[in-house]
Amino acid sequence: MISFLKTPEPEIDHRILTARQMMEKQGLDAMFITHKPDLFYFSGTAQDAYLMMFLDQDPILFVKQYLPRALEESSLKQVEPITSIKEIPQRILEMNGRLPSRCGLAFDVVPHKDVLFYQELFNTVDFADASSVITQCRQIKSSWEIDRLEASARLSKRTFDYMAQTLRPGISEMEFCGMFETFARRHGHSGILLMRHYRAAGYPFHLLSGESGGLAGALDSPVTGTGASIAYPYGAGPRLLRENEPILIDFGTVLDGYHIDETRMFCMGTMPQKAMDACQAAMDILTALVEMMKPGVAMADVYDSCIRHAGQLGYDTEFLGLPELKAKFIGHGTGVELVEAPIVAKGRSDILMPGMVLAMEPKFNFKDQFAAGIESVIHIGHDKARVLSQTDHKVFMC
């Protein structure tokens, strides 16, 4: 049988302890965990299950399907089989003698219909929003999680190197995405990019060549691309790759459940000077923001600094998207979801803290011409930041 990497028991214990400390501050005596990435984070398994995490009692993992795998994967002491979620309240009464009074739910991701169902199911329980408890726990990565992210970063580097070796003119954007995703999957990439918003879709085929990069669209990002169809209007499309034009590739790698989000520029032949200058500007901005990103610095200050830097380099118009559609963020957390807290954005007073891991992405959109930029993952240490990404900060000339 294939053996996969499991989350160590001390890691799960620490996460639950941290959550309990935050629950107590918010007046919660339990949290009901249903969102799959949160379930994986707090229990170590992503089987079809529900986790009731108590403030003063051991958590109980209720598994609908599949119990043997959940028992193998999770280090939690109380793992109980159920045939229906409707059994859970009675099982808690039998095991603990009482139901929680005030229970947290992840209102940011749990559908309203499900919230109403849980309220009816646990009819004596007062449900409250626990989104901040969950996201604050998850945004500070342990040394074990940093190891997982570094492993994913190594696979990302191998994939970008593969892109440089196999990129060729005459094939479509979508076809080339299929080629490098196949390579990444061959080496452990799961292919499923998880997002913490019901209107956002994670996809691995974000390749924008030439004028495709200068097209605005539905994506809340500086650059969008044509997409494969009107129904899916972001990322790579049918356009054929050509020599002597800028090609932006943004690829999310997932290994053992941990995401790395990186962007690099490519060119077959000679990169136009205007595009090369923009690529260098993006790398300069990234270098400067890494120097700035120390514990205690406000997210808004990082964002504002990047805006000023781009203006000083002469890119007010193109930085972070078209003038009327500029993105209001410069980076985002990444971990068990591709985009998670915190968001480095305009007006955000949150401060950088040791253990945060952020994908920082200074990018430019030259309308109807091309896109340029870079994205690397940054780890905030105790006194400074470091680049966690392994992929070279350069333009890949093929």
Protein backbone atom coordinates (compact mmCIF):
# COMPACT_ATOMS: atom_id res chain seq x y z
CA MET A 1 0.00 0.00 0.00
CA ILE A 2 1.23 3.52 -0.78
CA SER A 3 2.37 5.41 2.30
CA PHE A 4 1.76 9.17 2.39
CA LEU A 5 3.29 11.78 4.66
CA LYS A 6 1.22 12.30 7.83
CA THR A 7 0.96 15.33 10.10
CA PRO A 8 2.82 14.50 13.34
CA GLU A 9 0.83 14.27 16.57
CA PRO A 10 2.74 17.12 18.32
CA GLU A 11 1.92 19.35 15.33
CA ILE A 12 -1.82 18.65 15.64
CA ASP A 13 -1.68 19.09 19.44
CA HIS A 14 -0.03 22.50 19.07
CA ARG A 15 -2.63 23.67 16.54
CA ILE A 16 -5.49 22.65 18.82
CA LEU A 17 -3.86 24.34 21.81
CA THR A 18 -3.41 27.57 19.82
CA ALA A 19 -7.02 27.43 18.65
CA ARG A 20 -8.27 26.94 22.19
CA GLN A 21 -6.42 30.03 23.38
CA MET A 22 -8.11 32.08 20.67
CA MET A 23 -11.49 30.44 21.28
CA GLU A 24 -11.35 31.43 24.93
CA LYS A 25 -10.68 35.07 24.00
CA GLN A 26 -13.76 35.02 21.76
CA GLY A 27 -16.00 33.34 24.31
CA LEU A 28 -16.36 30.08 22.36
CA ASP A 29 -16.55 26.76 24.17
CA ALA A 30 -16.34 24.74 20.94
CA MET A 31 -15.71 24.93 17.19
CA PHE A 32 -17.43 22.76 14.59
CA ILE A 33 -14.96 22.24 11.73
CA THR A 34 -16.51 21.29 8.37
CA HIS A 35 -14.39 23.04 5.68
CA LYS A 36 -12.00 20.43 4.22
CA PRO A 37 -8.74 22.45 4.43
CA ASP A 38 -9.55 23.35 8.06
CA LEU A 39 -10.40 19.73 8.79
CA PHE A 40 -7.07 18.60 7.33
CA TYR A 41 -5.21 21.29 9.29
CA PHE A 42 -6.70 20.46 12.71
CA SER A 43 -7.18 16.67 12.40
CA GLY A 44 -4.58 15.48 9.88
CA THR A 45 -7.16 13.87 7.59
CA ALA A 46 -9.38 15.07 4.75
CA GLN A 47 -11.73 12.11 4.78
CA ASP A 48 -15.50 12.79 4.86
CA ALA A 49 -15.67 13.87 8.48
CA TYR A 50 -16.65 16.59 10.97
CA LEU A 51 -14.51 17.80 13.85
CA MET A 52 -15.97 19.10 17.09
CA MET A 53 -13.18 20.90 18.93
CA PHE A 54 -13.93 21.72 22.58
CA LEU A 55 -12.37 24.34 24.79
CA ASP A 56 -12.00 22.01 27.81
CA GLN A 57 -12.42 18.47 26.45
CA ASP A 58 -10.70 16.29 23.88
CA PRO A 59 -11.80 16.93 20.27
CA ILE A 60 -13.98 14.34 18.58
CA LEU A 61 -13.61 13.49 14.90
CA PHE A 62 -16.85 12.08 13.48
CA VAL A 63 -16.12 10.11 10.32
CA LYS A 64 -18.77 9.30 7.76
CA GLN A 65 -16.42 7.90 5.14
CA TYR A 66 -13.83 6.38 5.26
CA LEU A 67 -13.09 5.30 8.85
CA PRO A 68 -10.01 3.03 8.32
CA ARG A 69 -8.18 5.77 6.43
CA ALA A 70 -9.16 8.43 8.97
CA LEU A 71 -7.85 6.24 11.81
CA GLU A 72 -4.59 5.77 9.96
CA GLU A 73 -4.15 9.42 9.03
CA SER A 74 -5.32 11.32 12.14
CA SER A 75 -3.51 11.34 15.49
CA LEU A 76 -6.64 12.43 17.38
CA LYS A 77 -7.61 10.12 20.23
CA GLN A 78 -11.38 10.20 19.68
CA VAL A 79 -12.30 9.13 16.15
CA GLU A 80 -15.88 7.95 15.89
CA PRO A 81 -17.82 6.43 12.95
CA ILE A 82 -21.19 7.88 11.94
CA THR A 83 -23.61 7.04 9.16
CA SER A 84 -25.21 10.50 9.18
CA ILE A 85 -24.30 13.95 10.48
CA LYS A 86 -27.64 13.90 12.29
CA GLU A 87 -26.12 11.46 14.80
CA ILE A 88 -23.51 13.94 16.06
CA PRO A 89 -25.48 15.87 18.72
CA GLN A 90 -26.65 12.71 20.45
CA ARG A 91 -23.17 11.18 20.26
CA ILE A 92 -21.69 14.25 21.92
CA LEU A 93 -24.30 14.07 24.69
CA GLU A 94 -23.48 10.40 25.27
CA MET A 95 -19.71 11.00 25.31
CA ASN A 96 -19.46 14.36 27.11
CA GLY A 97 -22.78 14.73 28.89
CA ARG A 98 -23.57 18.13 27.32
CA LEU A 99 -23.54 20.11 24.12
CA PRO A 100 -21.49 23.28 23.81
CA SER A 101 -23.27 26.54 24.59
CA ARG A 102 -21.51 28.82 22.10
CA CYS A 103 -19.94 27.09 19.12
CA GLY A 104 -17.84 28.59 16.34
CA LEU A 105 -18.35 28.03 12.62
CA ALA A 106 -16.29 29.28 9.68
CA PHE A 107 -18.90 31.72 8.42
CA ASP A 108 -16.48 32.87 5.70
CA VAL A 109 -16.77 29.54 3.86
CA VAL A 110 -19.74 27.57 5.29
CA PRO A 111 -22.81 28.10 3.03
CA HIS A 112 -25.77 29.86 4.64
CA LYS A 113 -27.97 26.83 3.96
CA ASP A 114 -25.56 24.67 5.96
CA VAL A 115 -25.45 27.20 8.81
CA LEU A 116 -29.24 27.05 9.06
CA PHE A 117 -29.09 23.25 9.01
CA TYR A 118 -26.51 23.14 11.81
CA GLN A 119 -28.58 25.56 13.87
CA GLU A 120 -31.59 23.28 13.54
CA LEU A 121 -29.52 20.16 14.19
CA PHE A 122 -27.87 21.57 17.32
CA ASN A 123 -31.00 23.38 18.42
CA THR A 124 -29.71 24.44 21.85
CA VAL A 125 -26.36 25.71 20.58
CA ASP A 126 -25.58 29.36 19.78
CA PHE A 127 -23.40 29.46 16.68
CA ALA A 128 -20.93 32.32 16.17
CA ASP A 129 -18.35 33.24 13.55
CA ALA A 130 -15.00 31.55 14.21
CA SER A 131 -13.38 32.46 10.89
CA SER A 132 -10.78 34.68 12.52
CA VAL A 133 -9.79 31.96 15.00
CA ILE A 134 -9.14 29.52 12.17
CA THR A 135 -7.35 31.93 9.83
CA GLN A 136 -5.17 33.37 12.62
CA CYS A 137 -4.09 29.87 13.64
CA ARG A 138 -3.27 28.93 10.09
CA GLN A 139 -1.40 32.09 9.09
CA ILE A 140 1.51 31.35 11.47
CA LYS A 141 3.44 28.39 10.08
CA SER A 142 5.41 25.98 12.26
CA SER A 143 8.87 24.72 11.37
CA TRP A 144 7.24 21.47 10.18
CA GLU A 145 4.99 23.44 7.82
CA ILE A 146 7.95 25.48 6.56
CA ASP A 147 9.65 22.18 5.68
CA ARG A 148 6.55 21.16 3.69
CA LEU A 149 6.48 24.50 1.86
CA GLU A 150 10.19 24.25 1.06
CA ALA A 151 9.61 20.78 -0.42
CA SER A 152 6.82 22.20 -2.57
CA ALA A 153 9.12 25.07 -3.56
CA ARG A 154 11.75 22.60 -4.75
CA LEU A 155 9.16 20.90 -6.96
CA SER A 156 8.08 24.31 -8.27
CA LYS A 157 11.69 25.09 -9.23
CA ARG A 158 11.99 21.77 -11.07
CA THR A 159 8.77 22.54 -12.93
CA PHE A 160 9.89 26.02 -13.99
CA ASP A 161 13.21 24.58 -15.15
CA TYR A 162 11.25 22.00 -17.15
CA MET A 163 9.22 24.81 -18.73
CA ALA A 164 12.43 26.48 -19.90
CA GLN A 165 13.66 23.22 -21.44
CA THR A 166 10.45 22.38 -23.31
CA LEU A 167 8.91 25.72 -24.29
CA ARG A 168 8.58 25.96 -28.05
CA PRO A 169 6.70 28.07 -30.60
CA GLY A 170 3.60 26.87 -32.40
CA ILE A 171 1.81 25.13 -29.54
CA SER A 172 -1.10 26.74 -27.72
CA GLU A 173 -0.98 28.28 -24.26
CA MET A 174 -3.32 25.56 -22.97
CA GLU A 175 -1.30 22.73 -24.51
CA PHE A 176 1.92 23.93 -22.91
CA CYS A 177 0.17 24.22 -19.55
CA GLY A 178 -0.86 20.59 -19.90
CA MET A 179 2.76 19.64 -20.55
CA PHE A 180 4.28 21.27 -17.49
CA GLU A 181 1.39 20.29 -15.23
CA THR A 182 1.90 16.68 -16.30
CA PHE A 183 5.57 17.00 -15.32
CA ALA A 184 4.64 18.41 -11.90
CA ARG A 185 2.02 15.71 -11.32
CA ARG A 186 4.60 13.06 -12.19
CA HIS A 187 6.59 14.30 -9.20
CA GLY A 188 3.78 14.61 -6.63
CA HIS A 189 1.83 17.78 -7.50
CA SER A 190 -1.83 17.10 -6.65
CA GLY A 191 -3.24 19.48 -9.28
CA ILE A 192 -6.05 20.69 -7.01
CA LEU A 193 -5.57 24.31 -5.93
CA LEU A 194 -7.72 25.17 -2.92
CA MET A 195 -9.20 28.65 -2.45
CA ARG A 196 -10.95 30.17 0.56
CA HIS A 197 -13.82 31.84 -1.29
CA TYR A 198 -16.79 30.31 -3.08
CA ARG A 199 -16.48 32.73 -6.02
CA ALA A 200 -12.78 31.98 -6.57
CA ALA A 201 -11.51 29.03 -8.57
CA GLY A 202 -7.99 27.68 -8.26
CA TYR A 203 -6.48 26.62 -11.56
CA PRO A 204 -2.91 25.75 -12.62
CA PHE A 205 -2.99 27.05 -16.22
CA HIS A 206 -2.24 30.75 -15.80
CA LEU A 207 -0.08 31.37 -18.86
CA LEU A 208 -0.34 34.68 -20.72
CA SER A 209 1.62 35.14 -23.93
CA GLY A 210 2.11 38.38 -25.84
CA GLU A 211 -1.05 40.41 -26.21
CA SER A 212 -3.02 37.92 -24.09
CA GLY A 213 -1.16 39.34 -21.10
CA GLY A 214 -2.48 42.82 -21.82
CA LEU A 215 -6.11 41.73 -21.67
CA ALA A 216 -8.19 42.61 -18.62
CA GLY A 217 -10.99 40.37 -17.44
CA ALA A 218 -12.96 38.87 -14.59
CA LEU A 219 -10.02 37.82 -12.42
CA ASP A 220 -9.25 39.97 -9.36
CA SER A 221 -5.61 40.19 -10.34
CA PRO A 222 -3.34 42.57 -12.26
CA VAL A 223 -3.31 40.15 -15.21
CA THR A 224 -6.05 37.85 -16.47
CA GLY A 225 -5.50 36.30 -19.92
CA THR A 226 -8.11 35.08 -22.37
CA GLY A 227 -9.03 31.84 -20.65
CA ALA A 228 -10.26 28.74 -22.44
CA SER A 229 -13.78 30.04 -23.16
CA ILE A 230 -16.40 32.64 -22.27
CA ALA A 231 -17.44 30.31 -19.45
CA TYR A 232 -13.87 30.21 -18.04
CA PRO A 233 -12.37 33.60 -18.91
CA TYR A 234 -9.04 33.54 -17.05
CA GLY A 235 -5.62 32.10 -17.66
CA ALA A 236 -4.32 30.26 -20.68
CA GLY A 237 -6.27 30.01 -23.91
CA PRO A 238 -5.99 28.87 -27.53
CA ARG A 239 -3.41 31.47 -28.60
CA LEU A 240 -0.25 29.92 -30.10
CA LEU A 241 3.09 30.65 -28.45
CA ARG A 242 5.44 32.77 -30.56
CA GLU A 243 9.08 33.73 -30.60
CA ASN A 244 10.33 37.14 -29.45
CA GLU A 245 7.41 37.95 -27.16
CA PRO A 246 6.99 38.04 -23.36
CA ILE A 247 5.33 35.02 -21.76
CA LEU A 248 4.14 35.16 -18.14
CA ILE A 249 3.59 31.83 -16.36
CA ASP A 250 1.98 31.76 -12.90
CA PHE A 251 1.94 28.22 -11.50
CA GLY A 252 0.62 26.92 -8.18
CA THR A 253 2.35 23.77 -6.93
CA VAL A 254 0.77 21.56 -4.25
CA LEU A 255 2.78 18.88 -2.48
CA ASP A 256 1.44 17.00 0.56
CA GLY A 257 -1.32 19.60 0.83
CA TYR A 258 0.93 22.70 0.87
CA HIS A 259 0.85 25.33 -1.89
CA ILE A 260 3.63 27.37 -3.47
CA ASP A 261 2.53 30.19 -5.80
CA GLU A 262 5.16 31.49 -8.25
CA THR A 263 5.34 33.56 -11.43
CA ARG A 264 8.24 33.87 -13.87
CA MET A 265 8.74 35.46 -17.28
CA PHE A 266 9.86 33.54 -20.36
CA CYS A 267 10.86 34.41 -23.92
CA MET A 268 11.88 32.34 -26.93
CA GLY A 269 14.40 34.40 -28.86
CA THR A 270 14.77 38.09 -28.03
CA MET A 271 12.67 39.78 -25.38
CA PRO A 272 11.45 43.24 -26.48
CA GLN A 273 13.33 45.90 -24.50
CA LYS A 274 10.12 47.44 -23.13
CA ALA A 275 9.11 44.07 -21.67
CA MET A 276 12.61 43.33 -20.38
CA ASP A 277 12.68 46.68 -18.56
CA ALA A 278 9.32 45.89 -16.93
CA CYS A 279 10.57 42.46 -15.87
CA GLN A 280 13.60 44.04 -14.23
CA ALA A 281 11.39 46.61 -12.50
CA ALA A 282 9.24 43.82 -11.04
CA MET A 283 12.33 42.04 -9.72
CA ASP A 284 13.64 45.30 -8.23
CA ILE A 285 10.33 45.90 -6.44
CA LEU A 286 10.31 42.34 -5.10
CA THR A 287 13.88 42.72 -3.78
CA ALA A 288 12.96 45.97 -2.04
CA LEU A 289 9.81 44.61 -0.42
CA VAL A 290 11.66 41.57 0.95
CA GLU A 291 14.07 43.99 2.64
CA MET A 292 11.10 45.88 4.09
CA MET A 293 9.08 42.90 5.31
CA LYS A 294 10.08 42.60 8.96
CA PRO A 295 7.93 41.64 11.96
CA GLY A 296 5.85 44.61 13.12
CA VAL A 297 5.52 46.25 9.70
CA ALA A 298 1.93 46.96 8.66
CA MET A 299 0.55 45.28 5.54
CA ALA A 300 -0.65 48.64 4.21
CA ASP A 301 2.85 50.08 4.49
CA VAL A 302 4.26 47.26 2.35
CA TYR A 303 1.55 47.86 -0.27
CA ASP A 304 2.07 51.65 -0.26
CA SER A 305 5.83 51.23 -0.56
CA CYS A 306 5.42 49.08 -3.67
CA ILE A 307 3.10 51.65 -5.25
CA ARG A 308 5.65 54.40 -4.62
CA HIS A 309 8.50 52.28 -5.95
CA ALA A 310 6.62 51.47 -9.17
CA GLY A 311 5.88 55.18 -9.63
CA GLN A 312 9.53 56.10 -9.14
CA LEU A 313 10.42 53.60 -11.88
CA GLY A 314 7.86 55.18 -14.22
CA TYR A 315 5.14 52.52 -14.06
CA ASP A 316 2.21 54.29 -12.33
CA THR A 317 -0.14 53.42 -15.16
CA GLU A 318 0.70 49.75 -15.61
CA PHE A 319 1.48 48.57 -12.05
CA LEU A 320 -1.05 46.13 -10.56
CA GLY A 321 -3.35 46.27 -13.58
CA LEU A 322 -5.03 48.73 -15.87
CA PRO A 323 -5.74 52.19 -14.38
CA GLU A 324 -9.45 51.52 -13.90
CA LEU A 325 -8.98 47.93 -12.68
CA LYS A 326 -5.96 48.01 -10.38
CA ALA A 327 -5.65 45.21 -7.84
CA LYS A 328 -5.73 46.45 -4.26
CA PHE A 329 -3.29 43.82 -3.00
CA ILE A 330 0.38 43.01 -3.56
CA GLY A 331 0.52 39.62 -1.83
CA HIS A 332 -1.35 36.91 0.04
CA GLY A 333 -0.77 34.12 2.50
CA THR A 334 -0.30 30.62 1.18
CA GLY A 335 -0.32 27.22 2.85
CA VAL A 336 -3.02 24.54 2.86
CA GLU A 337 -4.92 26.90 0.55
CA LEU A 338 -3.37 28.76 -2.36
CA VAL A 339 -4.77 32.09 -1.17
CA GLU A 340 -5.33 32.44 2.56
CA ALA A 341 -4.84 35.00 5.32
CA PRO A 342 -3.18 37.41 5.58
CA ILE A 343 -3.66 39.63 2.53
CA VAL A 344 -1.05 42.36 1.98
CA ALA A 345 -3.37 45.05 0.71
CA LYS A 346 -4.23 48.71 0.63
CA GLY A 347 -5.36 50.02 4.00
CA ARG A 348 -4.70 46.79 5.93
CA SER A 349 -3.48 47.58 9.44
CA ASP A 350 -2.51 43.95 10.22
CA ILE A 351 1.18 43.58 10.98
CA LEU A 352 3.70 41.07 9.72
CA MET A 353 4.51 38.38 12.30
CA PRO A 354 7.17 35.66 12.49
CA GLY A 355 5.93 32.49 10.83
CA MET A 356 3.84 34.15 8.14
CA VAL A 357 4.37 32.88 4.59
CA LEU A 358 3.28 35.17 1.76
CA ALA A 359 3.27 35.02 -2.02
CA MET A 360 4.31 38.53 -3.13
CA GLU A 361 3.49 39.44 -6.73
CA PRO A 362 4.48 42.79 -8.28
CA LYS A 363 3.01 42.65 -11.79
CA PHE A 364 2.33 45.00 -14.69
CA ASN A 365 -0.37 45.07 -17.35
CA PHE A 366 0.44 46.86 -20.61
CA LYS A 367 -2.97 47.14 -22.23
CA ASP A 368 -3.37 44.99 -25.36
CA GLN A 369 0.41 44.44 -25.44
CA PHE A 370 1.76 42.11 -22.73
CA ALA A 371 2.00 41.32 -19.02
CA ALA A 372 5.18 41.33 -16.96
CA GLY A 373 5.97 40.48 -13.37
CA ILE A 374 7.25 38.05 -10.81
CA GLU A 375 5.83 36.20 -7.81
CA SER A 376 7.80 34.49 -5.08
CA VAL A 377 6.99 33.11 -1.66
CA ILE A 378 8.44 34.96 1.33
CA HIS A 379 8.87 33.63 4.88
CA ILE A 380 8.80 36.15 7.74
CA GLY A 381 11.45 35.20 10.30
CA HIS A 382 12.03 36.54 13.80
CA ASP A 383 13.89 39.64 12.62
CA LYS A 384 13.70 39.70 8.81
CA ALA A 385 12.16 38.05 5.76
CA ARG A 386 13.73 35.51 3.44
CA VAL A 387 12.80 34.20 0.02
CA LEU A 388 11.41 30.70 0.52
CA SER A 389 10.99 30.10 -3.22
CA GLN A 390 13.77 28.16 -4.90
CA THR A 391 13.13 29.25 -8.50
CA ASP A 392 15.73 31.73 -9.80
CA HIS A 393 14.71 35.37 -9.93
CA LYS A 394 15.37 35.91 -13.62
CA VAL A 395 13.80 36.01 -17.06
CA PHE A 396 14.01 32.52 -18.59
CA MET A 397 15.41 32.95 -22.11
CA CYS A 398 14.71 29.85 -24.19
